[in-house]
PDB file of N, CA and C in Angstrom:
ATOM      1  N   CYS A   1       0.819  -1.166   0.011  1.00  0.00           N
ATOM      2  CA  CYS A   1      -0.013   0.002   0.017  1.00  0.00           C
ATOM      3  C   CYS A   1       0.908   1.281  -0.010  1.00  0.00           C
ATOM      4  N   HIS A   2       1.881   1.265   0.823  1.00  0.00           N
ATOM      5  CA  HIS A   2       2.784   2.393   0.981  1.00  0.00           C
ATOM      6  C   HIS A   2       3.442   2.837  -0.354  1.00  0.00           C
ATOM      7  N   ASP A   3       3.947   1.866  -1.077  1.00  0.00           N
ATOM      8  CA  ASP A   3       4.604   2.209  -2.328  1.00  0.00           C
ATOM      9  C   ASP A   3       3.643   2.717  -3.350  1.00  0.00           C
ATOM     10  N   PHE A   4       2.382   2.231  -3.320  1.00  0.00           N
ATOM     11  CA  PHE A   4       1.380   2.787  -4.245  1.00  0.00           C
ATOM     12  C   PHE A   4       1.093   4.210  -3.933  1.00  0.00           C
ATOM     13  N   TRP A   5       1.127   4.553  -2.627  1.00  0.00           N
ATOM     14  CA  TRP A   5       0.919   5.939  -2.245  1.00  0.00           C
ATOM     15  C   TRP A   5       1.965   6.867  -2.782  1.00  0.00           C
ATOM     16  N   HIS A   6       3.231   6.370  -2.871  1.00  0.00           N
ATOM     17  CA  HIS A   6       4.298   7.147  -3.469  1.00  0.00           C
ATOM     18  C   HIS A   6       3.966   7.456  -4.938  1.00  0.00           C
ATOM     19  N   THR A   7       3.488   6.437  -5.624  1.00  0.00           N
ATOM     20  CA  THR A   7       3.128   6.569  -7.033  1.00  0.00           C
ATOM     21  C   THR A   7       1.975   7.535  -7.214  1.00  0.00           C
ATOM     22  N   LEU A   8       0.910   7.376  -6.390  1.00  0.00           N
ATOM     23  CA  LEU A   8      -0.248   8.225  -6.457  1.00  0.00           C
ATOM     24  C   LEU A   8       0.093   9.687  -6.205  1.00  0.00           C
ATOM     25  N   THR A   9       0.886   9.922  -5.212  1.00  0.00           N
ATOM     26  CA  THR A   9       1.175  11.288  -4.753  1.00  0.00           C
ATOM     27  C   THR A   9       2.338  11.931  -5.527  1.00  0.00           C
ATOM     28  N   GLY A  10       3.197  11.148  -6.145  1.00  0.00           N
ATOM     29  CA  GLY A  10       4.349  11.710  -6.806  1.00  0.00           C
ATOM     30  C   GLY A  10       5.504  11.964  -5.879  1.00  0.00           C
ATOM     31  N   LEU A  11       5.388  11.521  -4.571  1.00  0.00           N
ATOM     32  CA  LEU A  11       6.465  11.793  -3.621  1.00  0.00           C
ATOM     33  C   LEU A  11       7.618  10.827  -3.829  1.00  0.00           C
ATOM     34  N   PRO A  12       8.835  11.262  -3.846  1.00  0.00           N
ATOM     35  CA  PRO A  12      10.007  10.364  -4.022  1.00  0.00           C
ATOM     36  C   PRO A  12      10.288   9.558  -2.722  1.00  0.00           C
ATOM     37  N   PRO A  13      10.916   8.430  -2.846  1.00  0.00           N
ATOM     38  CA  PRO A  13      11.312   7.662  -1.701  1.00  0.00           C
ATOM     39  C   PRO A  13      12.580   8.206  -1.012  1.00  0.00           C
ATOM     40  N   THR A  14      12.465   9.444  -0.575  1.00  0.00           N
ATOM     41  CA  THR A  14      13.616  10.157   0.119  1.00  0.00           C
ATOM     42  C   THR A  14      13.110  10.409   1.561  1.00  0.00           C
ATOM     43  N   VAL A  15      14.006  10.826   2.388  1.00  0.00           N
ATOM     44  CA  VAL A  15      13.563  11.130   3.805  1.00  0.00           C
ATOM     45  C   VAL A  15      12.443  12.184   3.761  1.00  0.00           C
ATOM     46  N   PRO A  16      12.608  13.362   3.076  1.00  0.00           N
ATOM     47  CA  PRO A  16      11.502  14.279   3.026  1.00  0.00           C
ATOM     48  C   PRO A  16      10.195  13.740   2.476  1.00  0.00           C
ATOM     49  N   GLY A  17      10.376  12.955   1.380  1.00  0.00           N
ATOM     50  CA  GLY A  17       9.177  12.297   0.741  1.00  0.00           C
ATOM     51  C   GLY A  17       8.519  11.344   1.684  1.00  0.00           C
ATOM     52  N   GLU A  18       9.260  10.576   2.406  1.00  0.00           N
ATOM     53  CA  GLU A  18       8.677   9.606   3.381  1.00  0.00           C
ATOM     54  C   GLU A  18       7.947  10.343   4.480  1.00  0.00           C
ATOM     55  N   ILE A  19       8.526  11.438   4.954  1.00  0.00           N
ATOM     56  CA  ILE A  19       7.916  12.179   6.057  1.00  0.00           C
ATOM     57  C   ILE A  19       6.631  12.878   5.601  1.00  0.00           C
ATOM     58  N   ALA A  20       6.680  13.444   4.416  1.00  0.00           N
ATOM     59  CA  ALA A  20       5.451  14.050   3.823  1.00  0.00           C
ATOM     60  C   ALA A  20       4.357  13.013   3.635  1.00  0.00           C
ATOM     61  N   LEU A  21       4.757  11.777   3.216  1.00  0.00           N
ATOM     62  CA  LEU A  21       3.771  10.727   3.058  1.00  0.00           C
ATOM     63  C   LEU A  21       3.186  10.333   4.445  1.00  0.00           C
ATOM     64  N   LYS A  22       4.009  10.347   5.481  1.00  0.00           N
ATOM     65  CA  LYS A  22       3.497  10.055   6.838  1.00  0.00           C
ATOM     66  C   LYS A  22       2.487  11.112   7.300  1.00  0.00           C
ATOM     67  N   TRP A  23       2.737  12.393   6.941  1.00  0.00           N
ATOM     68  CA  TRP A  23       1.757  13.406   7.298  1.00  0.00           C
ATOM     69  C   TRP A  23       0.408  13.143   6.567  1.00  0.00           C
ATOM     70  N   LEU A  24       0.475  12.741   5.322  1.00  0.00           N
ATOM     71  CA  LEU A  24      -0.745  12.352   4.563  1.00  0.00           C
ATOM     72  C   LEU A  24      -1.446  11.164   5.279  1.00  0.00           C
ATOM     73  N   GLU A  25      -0.630  10.178   5.623  1.00  0.00           N
ATOM     74  CA  GLU A  25      -1.179   9.011   6.285  1.00  0.00           C
ATOM     75  C   GLU A  25      -1.869   9.391   7.621  1.00  0.00           C
ATOM     76  N   LEU A  26      -1.249  10.332   8.327  1.00  0.00           N
ATOM     77  CA  LEU A  26      -1.831  10.786   9.609  1.00  0.00           C
ATOM     78  C   LEU A  26      -3.208  11.432   9.346  1.00  0.00           C
ATOM     79  N   PHE A  27      -3.298  12.353   8.379  1.00  0.00           N
ATOM     80  CA  PHE A  27      -4.608  12.967   8.133  1.00  0.00           C
ATOM     81  C   PHE A  27      -5.618  12.049   7.458  1.00  0.00           C
ATOM     82  N   GLN A  28      -5.172  10.992   6.818  1.00  0.00           N
ATOM     83  CA  GLN A  28      -6.059  10.021   6.174  1.00  0.00           C
ATOM     84  C   GLN A  28      -6.558   9.008   7.197  1.00  0.00           C
ATOM     85  N   THR A  29      -5.657   8.568   8.117  1.00  0.00           N
ATOM     86  CA  THR A  29      -6.067   7.423   9.027  1.00  0.00           C
ATOM     87  C   THR A  29      -6.222   7.809  10.468  1.00  0.00           C
ATOM     88  N   ASN A  30      -5.670   8.875  10.883  1.00  0.00           N
ATOM     89  CA  ASN A  30      -5.644   9.256  12.324  1.00  0.00           C
ATOM     90  C   ASN A  30      -4.995   8.253  13.180  1.00  0.00           C
ATOM     91  N   LEU A  31      -4.045   7.483  12.637  1.00  0.00           N
ATOM     92  CA  LEU A  31      -3.311   6.483  13.422  1.00  0.00           C
ATOM     93  C   LEU A  31      -2.209   7.128  14.249  1.00  0.00           C
ATOM     94  N   PRO A  32      -2.108   6.746  15.526  1.00  0.00           N
ATOM     95  CA  PRO A  32      -1.025   7.353  16.373  1.00  0.00           C
ATOM     96  C   PRO A  32       0.353   7.091  15.841  1.00  0.00           C
ATOM     97  N   VAL A  33       0.568   5.903  15.237  1.00  0.00           N
ATOM     98  CA  VAL A  33       1.945   5.605  14.723  1.00  0.00           C
ATOM     99  C   VAL A  33       2.302   6.567  13.643  1.00  0.00           C
ATOM    100  N   ALA A  34       1.344   6.993  12.815  1.00  0.00           N
ATOM    101  CA  ALA A  34       1.618   7.969  11.796  1.00  0.00           C
ATOM    102  C   ALA A  34       2.016   9.323  12.443  1.00  0.00           C
ATOM    103  N   ALA A  35       1.299   9.683  13.432  1.00  0.00           N
ATOM    104  CA  ALA A  35       1.625  10.913  14.179  1.00  0.00           C
ATOM    105  C   ALA A  35       3.025  10.876  14.748  1.00  0.00           C
ATOM    106  N   LEU A  36       3.347   9.775  15.338  1.00  0.00           N
ATOM    107  CA  LEU A  36       4.721   9.606  15.881  1.00  0.00           C
ATOM    108  C   LEU A  36       5.770   9.707  14.828  1.00  0.00           C
ATOM    109  N   SER A  37       5.582   8.948  13.759  1.00  0.00           N
ATOM    110  CA  SER A  37       6.551   8.931  12.665  1.00  0.00           C
ATOM    111  C   SER A  37       6.705  10.317  11.998  1.00  0.00           C
ATOM    112  N   ALA A  38       5.576  10.967  11.756  1.00  0.00           N
ATOM    113  CA  ALA A  38       5.586  12.253  11.102  1.00  0.00           C
ATOM    114  C   ALA A  38       6.331  13.295  11.970  1.00  0.00           C
ATOM    115  N   THR A  39       6.066  13.221  13.317  1.00  0.00           N
ATOM    116  CA  THR A  39       6.652  14.220  14.174  1.00  0.00           C
ATOM    117  C   THR A  39       8.120  13.967  14.421  1.00  0.00           C
ATOM    118  N   VAL A  40       8.458  12.732  14.763  1.00  0.00           N
ATOM    119  CA  VAL A  40       9.865  12.380  15.064  1.00  0.00           C
ATOM    120  C   VAL A  40      10.691  12.451  13.836  1.00  0.00           C
ATOM    121  N   GLY A  41      10.166  12.015  12.705  1.00  0.00           N
ATOM    122  CA  GLY A  41      10.894  12.020  11.427  1.00  0.00           C
ATOM    123  C   GLY A  41      11.294  13.436  11.027  1.00  0.00           C
ATOM    124  N   THR A  42      10.503  14.410  11.393  1.00  0.00           N
ATOM    125  CA  THR A  42      10.820  15.822  11.085  1.00  0.00           C
ATOM    126  C   THR A  42      12.118  16.260  11.684  1.00  0.00           C
ATOM    127  N   LEU A  43      12.509  15.638  12.790  1.00  0.00           N
ATOM    128  CA  LEU A  43      13.761  16.007  13.461  1.00  0.00           C
ATOM    129  C   LEU A  43      15.032  15.728  12.588  1.00  0.00           C
ATOM    130  N   ARG A  44      14.869  14.813  11.653  1.00  0.00           N
ATOM    131  CA  ARG A  44      15.967  14.453  10.769  1.00  0.00           C
ATOM    132  C   ARG A  44      16.189  15.411   9.605  1.00  0.00           C
ATOM    133  N   LEU A  45      15.254  16.315   9.397  1.00  0.00           N
ATOM    134  CA  LEU A  45      15.378  17.200   8.231  1.00  0.00           C
ATOM    135  C   LEU A  45      16.244  18.424   8.458  1.00  0.00           C
ATOM    136  N   SER A  46      16.826  18.881   7.341  1.00  0.00           N
ATOM    137  CA  SER A  46      17.587  20.104   7.397  1.00  0.00           C
ATOM    138  C   SER A  46      16.617  21.315   7.509  1.00  0.00           C
ATOM    139  N   ASP A  47      17.157  22.466   7.757  1.00  0.00           N
ATOM    140  CA  ASP A  47      16.260  23.641   7.865  1.00  0.00           C
ATOM    141  C   ASP A  47      15.464  23.913   6.629  1.00  0.00           C
ATOM    142  N   ASP A  48      16.161  23.775   5.435  1.00  0.00           N
ATOM    143  CA  ASP A  48      15.433  23.957   4.142  1.00  0.00           C
ATOM    144  C   ASP A  48      14.346  22.928   3.994  1.00  0.00           C
ATOM    145  N   GLU A  49      14.640  21.669   4.353  1.00  0.00           N
ATOM    146  CA  GLU A  49      13.629  20.604   4.201  1.00  0.00           C
ATOM    147  C   GLU A  49      12.448  20.809   5.175  1.00  0.00           C
ATOM    148  N   LYS A  50      12.748  21.334   6.364  1.00  0.00           N
ATOM    149  CA  LYS A  50      11.717  21.665   7.319  1.00  0.00           C
ATOM    150  C   LYS A  50      10.793  22.790   6.786  1.00  0.00           C
ATOM    151  N   HIS A  51      11.429  23.708   6.186  1.00  0.00           N
ATOM    152  CA  HIS A  51      10.661  24.845   5.572  1.00  0.00           C
ATOM    153  C   HIS A  51       9.741  24.299   4.503  1.00  0.00           C
ATOM    154  N   ASP A  52      10.205  23.450   3.647  1.00  0.00           N
ATOM    155  CA  ASP A  52       9.383  22.858   2.604  1.00  0.00           C
ATOM    156  C   ASP A  52       8.217  21.997   3.264  1.00  0.00           C
ATOM    157  N   LEU A  53       8.550  21.284   4.345  1.00  0.00           N
ATOM    158  CA  LEU A  53       7.589  20.487   4.984  1.00  0.00           C
ATOM    159  C   LEU A  53       6.427  21.298   5.487  1.00  0.00           C
ATOM    160  N   PHE A  54       6.803  22.394   6.236  1.00  0.00           N
ATOM    161  CA  PHE A  54       5.801  23.205   6.917  1.00  0.00           C
ATOM    162  C   PHE A  54       5.040  24.110   5.942  1.00  0.00           C
ATOM    163  N   THR A  55       5.667  24.532   4.874  1.00  0.00           N
ATOM    164  CA  THR A  55       4.985  25.488   3.962  1.00  0.00           C
ATOM    165  C   THR A  55       4.339  24.778   2.709  1.00  0.00           C
ATOM    166  N   LEU A  56       4.828  23.638   2.349  1.00  0.00           N
ATOM    167  CA  LEU A  56       4.278  22.902   1.186  1.00  0.00           C
ATOM    168  C   LEU A  56       3.579  21.629   1.532  1.00  0.00           C
ATOM    169  N   TYR A  57       4.292  20.727   2.178  1.00  0.00           N
ATOM    170  CA  TYR A  57       3.887  19.364   2.348  1.00  0.00           C
ATOM    171  C   TYR A  57       2.788  19.219   3.391  1.00  0.00           C
ATOM    172  N   ILE A  58       2.877  19.818   4.518  1.00  0.00           N
ATOM    173  CA  ILE A  58       1.831  19.630   5.547  1.00  0.00           C
ATOM    174  C   ILE A  58       0.524  20.262   5.087  1.00  0.00           C
ATOM    175  N   PRO A  59       0.508  21.464   4.547  1.00  0.00           N
ATOM    176  CA  PRO A  59      -0.802  21.985   4.019  1.00  0.00           C
ATOM    177  C   PRO A  59      -1.380  21.105   2.938  1.00  0.00           C
ATOM    178  N   TRP A  60      -0.464  20.521   2.054  1.00  0.00           N
ATOM    179  CA  TRP A  60      -0.956  19.600   1.016  1.00  0.00           C
ATOM    180  C   TRP A  60      -1.528  18.339   1.686  1.00  0.00           C
ATOM    181  N   ALA A  61      -0.869  17.772   2.681  1.00  0.00           N
ATOM    182  CA  ALA A  61      -1.270  16.573   3.329  1.00  0.00           C
ATOM    183  C   ALA A  61      -2.642  16.786   3.994  1.00  0.00           C
ATOM    184  N   ILE A  62      -2.811  17.912   4.624  1.00  0.00           N
ATOM    185  CA  ILE A  62      -4.122  18.247   5.213  1.00  0.00           C
ATOM    186  C   ILE A  62      -5.225  18.279   4.203  1.00  0.00           C
ATOM    187  N   ARG A  63      -4.951  19.011   3.123  1.00  0.00           N
ATOM    188  CA  ARG A  63      -5.946  19.108   2.037  1.00  0.00           C
ATOM    189  C   ARG A  63      -6.278  17.787   1.430  1.00  0.00           C
ATOM    190  N   VAL A  64      -5.287  17.015   1.034  1.00  0.00           N
ATOM    191  CA  VAL A  64      -5.525  15.718   0.411  1.00  0.00           C
ATOM    192  C   VAL A  64      -6.095  14.697   1.403  1.00  0.00           C
ATOM    193  N   GLY A  65      -5.505  14.699   2.630  1.00  0.00           N
ATOM    194  CA  GLY A  65      -5.956  13.693   3.622  1.00  0.00           C
ATOM    195  C   GLY A  65      -7.380  13.926   4.020  1.00  0.00           C
ATOM    196  N   THR A  66      -7.864  15.135   4.014  1.00  0.00           N
ATOM    197  CA  THR A  66      -9.223  15.360   4.442  1.00  0.00           C
ATOM    198  C   THR A  66     -10.195  15.269   3.240  1.00  0.00           C
ATOM    199  N   GLN A  67      -9.740  15.605   2.012  1.00  0.00           N
ATOM    200  CA  GLN A  67     -10.518  15.508   0.807  1.00  0.00           C
ATOM    201  C   GLN A  67     -10.858  14.040   0.534  1.00  0.00           C
ATOM    202  N   THR A  68      -9.910  13.203   0.770  1.00  0.00           N
ATOM    203  CA  THR A  68     -10.071  11.772   0.398  1.00  0.00           C
ATOM    204  C   THR A  68     -10.789  10.959   1.524  1.00  0.00           C
ATOM    205  N   SER A  69     -11.415  11.672   2.495  1.00  0.00           N
ATOM    206  CA  SER A  69     -11.970  10.931   3.633  1.00  0.00           C
ATOM    207  C   SER A  69     -13.080   9.936   3.239  1.00  0.00           C
ATOM    208  N   LYS A  70     -13.745  10.145   2.042  1.00  0.00           N
ATOM    209  CA  LYS A  70     -14.750   9.158   1.674  1.00  0.00           C
ATOM    210  C   LYS A  70     -14.116   7.925   1.068  1.00  0.00           C
ATOM    211  N   VAL A  71     -12.867   8.020   0.615  1.00  0.00           N
ATOM    212  CA  VAL A  71     -12.164   6.877   0.115  1.00  0.00           C
ATOM    213  C   VAL A  71     -10.893   6.685   0.947  1.00  0.00           C
ATOM    214  N   HIS A  72     -10.918   5.684   1.792  1.00  0.00           N
ATOM    215  CA  HIS A  72      -9.756   5.361   2.620  1.00  0.00           C
ATOM    216  C   HIS A  72      -8.714   4.783   1.757  1.00  0.00           C
ATOM    217  N   LEU A  73      -7.596   5.397   1.598  1.00  0.00           N
ATOM    218  CA  LEU A  73      -6.554   4.937   0.681  1.00  0.00           C
ATOM    219  C   LEU A  73      -5.965   3.563   1.089  1.00  0.00           C
ATOM    220  N   MET A  74      -6.075   3.197   2.329  1.00  0.00           N
ATOM    221  CA  MET A  74      -5.582   1.901   2.725  1.00  0.00           C
ATOM    222  C   MET A  74      -6.577   0.786   2.315  1.00  0.00           C
ATOM    223  N   ASN A  75      -7.811   1.184   1.934  1.00  0.00           N
ATOM    224  CA  ASN A  75      -8.844   0.174   1.491  1.00  0.00           C
ATOM    225  C   ASN A  75      -8.871   0.023   0.025  1.00  0.00           C
ATOM    226  N   VAL A  76      -8.059   0.714  -0.742  1.00  0.00           N
ATOM    227  CA  VAL A  76      -8.101   0.574  -2.170  1.00  0.00           C
ATOM    228  C   VAL A  76      -7.395  -0.719  -2.588  1.00  0.00           C
ATOM    229  N   TYR A  77      -8.062  -1.488  -3.403  1.00  0.00           N
ATOM    230  CA  TYR A  77      -7.446  -2.757  -3.936  1.00  0.00           C
ATOM    231  C   TYR A  77      -6.588  -2.377  -5.115  1.00  0.00           C
ATOM    232  N   TYR A  78      -5.383  -1.960  -4.811  1.00  0.00           N
ATOM    233  CA  TYR A  78      -4.509  -1.400  -5.915  1.00  0.00           C
ATOM    234  C   TYR A  78      -4.160  -2.338  -7.006  1.00  0.00           C
ATOM    235  N   GLU A  79      -4.110  -3.624  -6.721  1.00  0.00           N
ATOM    236  CA  GLU A  79      -3.790  -4.613  -7.782  1.00  0.00           C
ATOM    237  C   GLU A  79      -4.909  -4.631  -8.872  1.00  0.00           C
ATOM    238  N   ARG A  80      -6.084  -4.271  -8.487  1.00  0.00           N
ATOM    239  CA  ARG A  80      -7.188  -4.171  -9.456  1.00  0.00           C
ATOM    240  C   ARG A  80      -7.157  -2.911 -10.302  1.00  0.00           C
ATOM    241  N   GLU A  81      -6.251  -1.952  -9.925  1.00  0.00           N
ATOM    242  CA  GLU A  81      -6.186  -0.711 -10.609  1.00  0.00           C
ATOM    243  C   GLU A  81      -4.963  -0.616 -11.547  1.00  0.00           C
ATOM    244  N   PHE A  82      -4.219  -1.705 -11.735  1.00  0.00           N
ATOM    245  CA  PHE A  82      -3.016  -1.655 -12.536  1.00  0.00           C
ATOM    246  C   PHE A  82      -3.278  -1.240 -13.950  1.00  0.00           C
ATOM    247  N   GLU A  83      -4.363  -1.558 -14.520  1.00  0.00           N
ATOM    248  CA  GLU A  83      -4.692  -1.205 -15.922  1.00  0.00           C
ATOM    249  C   GLU A  83      -5.271   0.205 -16.056  1.00  0.00           C
ATOM    250  N   CYS A  84      -5.579   0.800 -14.935  1.00  0.00           N
ATOM    251  CA  CYS A  84      -6.184   2.141 -14.948  1.00  0.00           C
ATOM    252  C   CYS A  84      -5.128   3.197 -15.186  1.00  0.00           C
ATOM    253  N   ASN A  85      -5.496   4.201 -15.940  1.00  0.00           N
ATOM    254  CA  ASN A  85      -4.689   5.371 -16.174  1.00  0.00           C
ATOM    255  C   ASN A  85      -4.407   6.039 -14.824  1.00  0.00           C
ATOM    256  N   LEU A  86      -3.127   6.401 -14.566  1.00  0.00           N
ATOM    257  CA  LEU A  86      -2.757   6.985 -13.274  1.00  0.00           C
ATOM    258  C   LEU A  86      -3.520   8.274 -13.015  1.00  0.00           C
ATOM    259  N   GLU A  87      -3.664   9.111 -13.965  1.00  0.00           N
ATOM    260  CA  GLU A  87      -4.394  10.385 -13.803  1.00  0.00           C
ATOM    261  C   GLU A  87      -5.873  10.169 -13.465  1.00  0.00           C
ATOM    262  N   GLU A  88      -6.456   9.149 -14.153  1.00  0.00           N
ATOM    263  CA  GLU A  88      -7.854   8.814 -13.856  1.00  0.00           C
ATOM    264  C   GLU A  88      -8.016   8.284 -12.455  1.00  0.00           C
ATOM    265  N   LEU A  89      -7.104   7.465 -11.991  1.00  0.00           N
ATOM    266  CA  LEU A  89      -7.121   6.922 -10.640  1.00  0.00           C
ATOM    267  C   LEU A  89      -6.986   8.040  -9.593  1.00  0.00           C
ATOM    268  N   ARG A  90      -6.065   8.914  -9.875  1.00  0.00           N
ATOM    269  CA  ARG A  90      -5.866  10.062  -8.940  1.00  0.00           C
ATOM    270  C   ARG A  90      -7.131  10.869  -8.860  1.00  0.00           C
ATOM    271  N   GLU A  91      -7.800  11.135  -9.995  1.00  0.00           N
ATOM    272  CA  GLU A  91      -9.041  11.939 -10.001  1.00  0.00           C
ATOM    273  C   GLU A  91     -10.133  11.231  -9.208  1.00  0.00           C
ATOM    274  N   ARG A  92     -10.268   9.896  -9.476  1.00  0.00           N
ATOM    275  CA  ARG A  92     -11.316   9.092  -8.799  1.00  0.00           C
ATOM    276  C   ARG A  92     -11.139   9.063  -7.302  1.00  0.00           C
ATOM    277  N   LEU A  93      -9.818   8.991  -6.845  1.00  0.00           N
ATOM    278  CA  LEU A  93      -9.570   8.915  -5.421  1.00  0.00           C
ATOM    279  C   LEU A  93      -9.408  10.288  -4.794  1.00  0.00           C
ATOM    280  N   GLY A  94      -9.416  11.327  -5.572  1.00  0.00           N
ATOM    281  CA  GLY A  94      -9.221  12.715  -5.053  1.00  0.00           C
ATOM    282  C   GLY A  94      -7.817  13.045  -4.635  1.00  0.00           C
ATOM    283  N   ILE A  95      -6.834  12.449  -5.323  1.00  0.00           N
ATOM    284  CA  ILE A  95      -5.457  12.687  -5.030  1.00  0.00           C
ATOM    285  C   ILE A  95      -4.896  13.842  -5.866  1.00  0.00           C
ATOM    286  N   GLU A  96      -4.378  14.786  -5.166  1.00  0.00           N
ATOM    287  CA  GLU A  96      -3.627  15.938  -5.767  1.00  0.00           C
ATOM    288  C   GLU A  96      -2.155  15.554  -5.679  1.00  0.00           C
ATOM    289  N   VAL A  97      -1.433  15.678  -6.752  1.00  0.00           N
ATOM    290  CA  VAL A  97      -0.047  15.370  -6.741  1.00  0.00           C
ATOM    291  C   VAL A  97       0.665  16.335  -5.753  1.00  0.00           C
ATOM    292  N   ALA A  98       1.640  15.762  -5.072  1.00  0.00           N
ATOM    293  CA  ALA A  98       2.393  16.606  -4.059  1.00  0.00           C
ATOM    294  C   ALA A  98       3.115  17.747  -4.734  1.00  0.00           C
ATOM    295  N   PRO A  99       3.232  18.901  -4.044  1.00  0.00           N
ATOM    296  CA  PRO A  99       3.989  20.023  -4.624  1.00  0.00           C
ATOM    297  C   PRO A  99       5.454  19.680  -4.739  1.00  0.00           C
ATOM    298  N   THR A 100       6.122  20.327  -5.627  1.00  0.00           N
ATOM    299  CA  THR A 100       7.588  20.129  -5.806  1.00  0.00           C
ATOM    300  C   THR A 100       8.290  21.376  -5.249  1.00  0.00           C
ATOM    301  N   PRO A 101       9.215  21.178  -4.257  1.00  0.00           N
ATOM    302  CA  PRO A 101       9.859  22.345  -3.726  1.00  0.00           C
ATOM    303  C   PRO A 101      10.739  23.013  -4.787  1.00  0.00           C
ATOM    304  N   SER A 102      10.862  24.318  -4.706  1.00  0.00           N
ATOM    305  CA  SER A 102      11.633  25.085  -5.705  1.00  0.00           C
ATOM    306  C   SER A 102      13.100  24.746  -5.647  1.00  0.00           C
ATOM    307  N   SER A 103      13.592  24.198  -4.487  1.00  0.00           N
ATOM    308  CA  SER A 103      14.996  23.848  -4.399  1.00  0.00           C
ATOM    309  C   SER A 103      15.288  22.484  -5.027  1.00  0.00           C
ATOM    310  N   SER A 104      14.302  21.789  -5.519  1.00  0.00           N
ATOM    311  CA  SER A 104      14.525  20.454  -6.146  1.00  0.00           C
ATOM    312  C   SER A 104      15.017  20.606  -7.579  1.00  0.00           C
TER     313      SER A 104
END
C-alpha cells in the first residue's frame, strides 16, 4: 500500500518524501503511529527541508488527507487498478500530486 501511495502522490522515496507521506497518512487514517513517525521524522530534516515540509507538504497533506476521507486509501485494492490510467485513478480517489519544492 505504501509504495502505491508514493506513485499516487508523486512523492519520491527520500527522507523528506517519506515524512510528507507520513503526514498524509496521519490525516487520512488518524493512526497514532503515523503521528509519531511524522513528528519524530521531522527532526531528521535540514532547515530547508523543514521549511518545505511546513509550507508545502503539511498543508498539502491536510488538504488531500481530508478530501479523500470518503475513500480510505488503505482500503483501495491497488492490484485491481493496474490497468487504470494513473491520472484517472488520482481523480477518482481525489489525489492531488504533491508539490515540488523550488529547491529540487
